Amino acid sequence: MGNITREKRDSFIKQIIDETRLRGRLTVRDACQMLGMNRDAVQRYFKIAEK
C-alpha cells in the first residue's frame, strides 16, 4: 500500500464519501481521476467507506 499515513487514508475516504453524497453516486473511475490514484487503491478505499 505504500507510505500513506492513516490521516491521509482517512482523508481519501472522507473525500469519497463527501463526493458521493454531493453527486448521489461516484464511480471508481471518477474517484481515480479525482484522487489521482490507481484503480486498485481506490477500490480498497471504496470498500472501507462502505463499512
N, C-alpha and C. Protein backbone atom coordinates (compact mmCIF):
# COMPACT_ATOMS: atom_id res chain seq x y z
N MET A 1 0.81 -1.19 0.00
CA MET A 1 0.00 0.00 0.00
C MET A 1 0.86 1.25 0.00
N GLY A 2 2.12 1.14 0.21
CA GLY A 2 2.97 2.32 0.15
C GLY A 2 3.07 3.02 1.49
N ASN A 3 3.48 4.25 1.44
CA ASN A 3 3.70 5.02 2.66
C ASN A 3 2.62 6.06 2.87
N ILE A 4 1.39 5.64 2.86
CA ILE A 4 0.28 6.56 3.10
C ILE A 4 -0.06 6.50 4.58
N THR A 5 -0.08 7.66 5.22
CA THR A 5 -0.39 7.70 6.64
C THR A 5 -1.88 7.44 6.86
N ARG A 6 -2.20 7.09 8.07
CA ARG A 6 -3.60 6.84 8.43
C ARG A 6 -4.45 8.09 8.18
N GLU A 7 -3.90 9.26 8.50
CA GLU A 7 -4.62 10.51 8.30
C GLU A 7 -4.90 10.75 6.82
N LYS A 8 -3.91 10.48 5.97
CA LYS A 8 -4.07 10.67 4.53
C LYS A 8 -5.13 9.70 3.99
N ARG A 9 -5.05 8.44 4.43
CA ARG A 9 -6.03 7.44 4.01
C ARG A 9 -7.44 7.85 4.42
N ASP A 10 -7.57 8.30 5.67
CA ASP A 10 -8.88 8.74 6.15
C ASP A 10 -9.38 9.94 5.35
N SER A 11 -8.46 10.80 4.94
CA SER A 11 -8.81 11.96 4.11
C SER A 11 -9.36 11.52 2.76
N PHE A 12 -8.72 10.52 2.14
CA PHE A 12 -9.19 9.99 0.85
C PHE A 12 -10.59 9.40 1.00
N ILE A 13 -10.79 8.64 2.06
CA ILE A 13 -12.10 8.01 2.30
C ILE A 13 -13.17 9.08 2.52
N LYS A 14 -12.83 10.12 3.28
CA LYS A 14 -13.78 11.21 3.51
C LYS A 14 -14.13 11.91 2.20
N GLN A 15 -13.15 12.11 1.34
CA GLN A 15 -13.41 12.74 0.04
C GLN A 15 -14.36 11.88 -0.80
N ILE A 16 -14.16 10.57 -0.76
CA ILE A 16 -15.04 9.66 -1.50
C ILE A 16 -16.47 9.76 -0.97
N ILE A 17 -16.62 9.73 0.34
CA ILE A 17 -17.95 9.81 0.95
C ILE A 17 -18.61 11.15 0.64
N ASP A 18 -17.87 12.24 0.81
CA ASP A 18 -18.43 13.58 0.56
C ASP A 18 -18.85 13.75 -0.90
N GLU A 19 -18.01 13.31 -1.81
CA GLU A 19 -18.31 13.45 -3.23
C GLU A 19 -19.51 12.58 -3.62
N THR A 20 -19.61 11.40 -3.02
CA THR A 20 -20.76 10.53 -3.28
C THR A 20 -22.05 11.17 -2.80
N ARG A 21 -22.00 11.77 -1.63
CA ARG A 21 -23.20 12.46 -1.12
C ARG A 21 -23.58 13.63 -2.02
N LEU A 22 -22.58 14.35 -2.51
CA LEU A 22 -22.83 15.50 -3.38
C LEU A 22 -23.43 15.09 -4.72
N ARG A 23 -22.85 14.06 -5.34
CA ARG A 23 -23.28 13.63 -6.67
C ARG A 23 -24.44 12.65 -6.66
N GLY A 24 -24.59 11.94 -5.55
CA GLY A 24 -25.59 10.88 -5.50
C GLY A 24 -24.99 9.52 -5.82
N ARG A 25 -23.92 9.52 -6.60
CA ARG A 25 -23.18 8.29 -6.90
C ARG A 25 -21.80 8.69 -7.41
N LEU A 26 -20.84 7.80 -7.22
CA LEU A 26 -19.47 8.06 -7.64
C LEU A 26 -18.88 6.76 -8.16
N THR A 27 -18.37 6.78 -9.37
CA THR A 27 -17.76 5.58 -9.92
C THR A 27 -16.30 5.51 -9.49
N VAL A 28 -15.74 4.32 -9.57
CA VAL A 28 -14.33 4.15 -9.26
C VAL A 28 -13.49 4.98 -10.22
N ARG A 29 -13.90 5.00 -11.46
CA ARG A 29 -13.16 5.79 -12.47
C ARG A 29 -13.13 7.28 -12.10
N ASP A 30 -14.29 7.82 -11.71
CA ASP A 30 -14.35 9.22 -11.31
C ASP A 30 -13.47 9.48 -10.08
N ALA A 31 -13.50 8.56 -9.13
CA ALA A 31 -12.70 8.72 -7.93
C ALA A 31 -11.20 8.64 -8.25
N CYS A 32 -10.83 7.78 -9.19
CA CYS A 32 -9.43 7.69 -9.61
C CYS A 32 -8.95 9.03 -10.16
N GLN A 33 -9.76 9.64 -10.98
CA GLN A 33 -9.40 10.95 -11.55
C GLN A 33 -9.36 12.02 -10.47
N MET A 34 -10.32 12.00 -9.58
CA MET A 34 -10.42 13.00 -8.53
C MET A 34 -9.24 12.92 -7.56
N LEU A 35 -8.86 11.69 -7.18
CA LEU A 35 -7.80 11.50 -6.19
C LEU A 35 -6.42 11.34 -6.82
N GLY A 36 -6.38 11.10 -8.13
CA GLY A 36 -5.09 10.88 -8.79
C GLY A 36 -4.43 9.59 -8.36
N MET A 37 -5.24 8.57 -8.14
CA MET A 37 -4.74 7.28 -7.67
C MET A 37 -5.12 6.18 -8.65
N ASN A 38 -4.47 5.02 -8.48
CA ASN A 38 -4.80 3.89 -9.36
C ASN A 38 -6.08 3.21 -8.88
N ARG A 39 -6.65 2.42 -9.78
CA ARG A 39 -7.95 1.79 -9.56
C ARG A 39 -7.95 0.85 -8.35
N ASP A 40 -6.91 0.06 -8.16
CA ASP A 40 -6.86 -0.89 -7.05
C ASP A 40 -6.92 -0.17 -5.70
N ALA A 41 -6.15 0.90 -5.58
CA ALA A 41 -6.14 1.65 -4.32
C ALA A 41 -7.51 2.27 -4.05
N VAL A 42 -8.11 2.85 -5.08
CA VAL A 42 -9.42 3.48 -4.91
C VAL A 42 -10.47 2.44 -4.54
N GLN A 43 -10.41 1.27 -5.14
CA GLN A 43 -11.37 0.21 -4.79
C GLN A 43 -11.23 -0.20 -3.33
N ARG A 44 -10.01 -0.26 -2.83
CA ARG A 44 -9.80 -0.57 -1.41
C ARG A 44 -10.47 0.49 -0.54
N TYR A 45 -10.33 1.76 -0.91
CA TYR A 45 -10.93 2.84 -0.13
C TYR A 45 -12.45 2.81 -0.23
N PHE A 46 -12.99 2.42 -1.38
CA PHE A 46 -14.44 2.27 -1.52
C PHE A 46 -14.94 1.21 -0.54
N LYS A 47 -14.24 0.10 -0.45
CA LYS A 47 -14.67 -0.98 0.45
C LYS A 47 -14.64 -0.53 1.90
N ILE A 48 -13.62 0.24 2.26
CA ILE A 48 -13.54 0.75 3.63
C ILE A 48 -14.67 1.74 3.88
N ALA A 49 -14.96 2.59 2.89
CA ALA A 49 -16.01 3.60 3.04
C ALA A 49 -17.39 2.98 3.17
N GLU A 50 -17.59 1.80 2.59
CA GLU A 50 -18.89 1.12 2.67
C GLU A 50 -19.24 0.71 4.08
N LYS A 51 -18.25 0.44 4.90
CA LYS A 51 -18.49 -0.08 6.26
C LYS A 51 -19.08 0.93 7.19
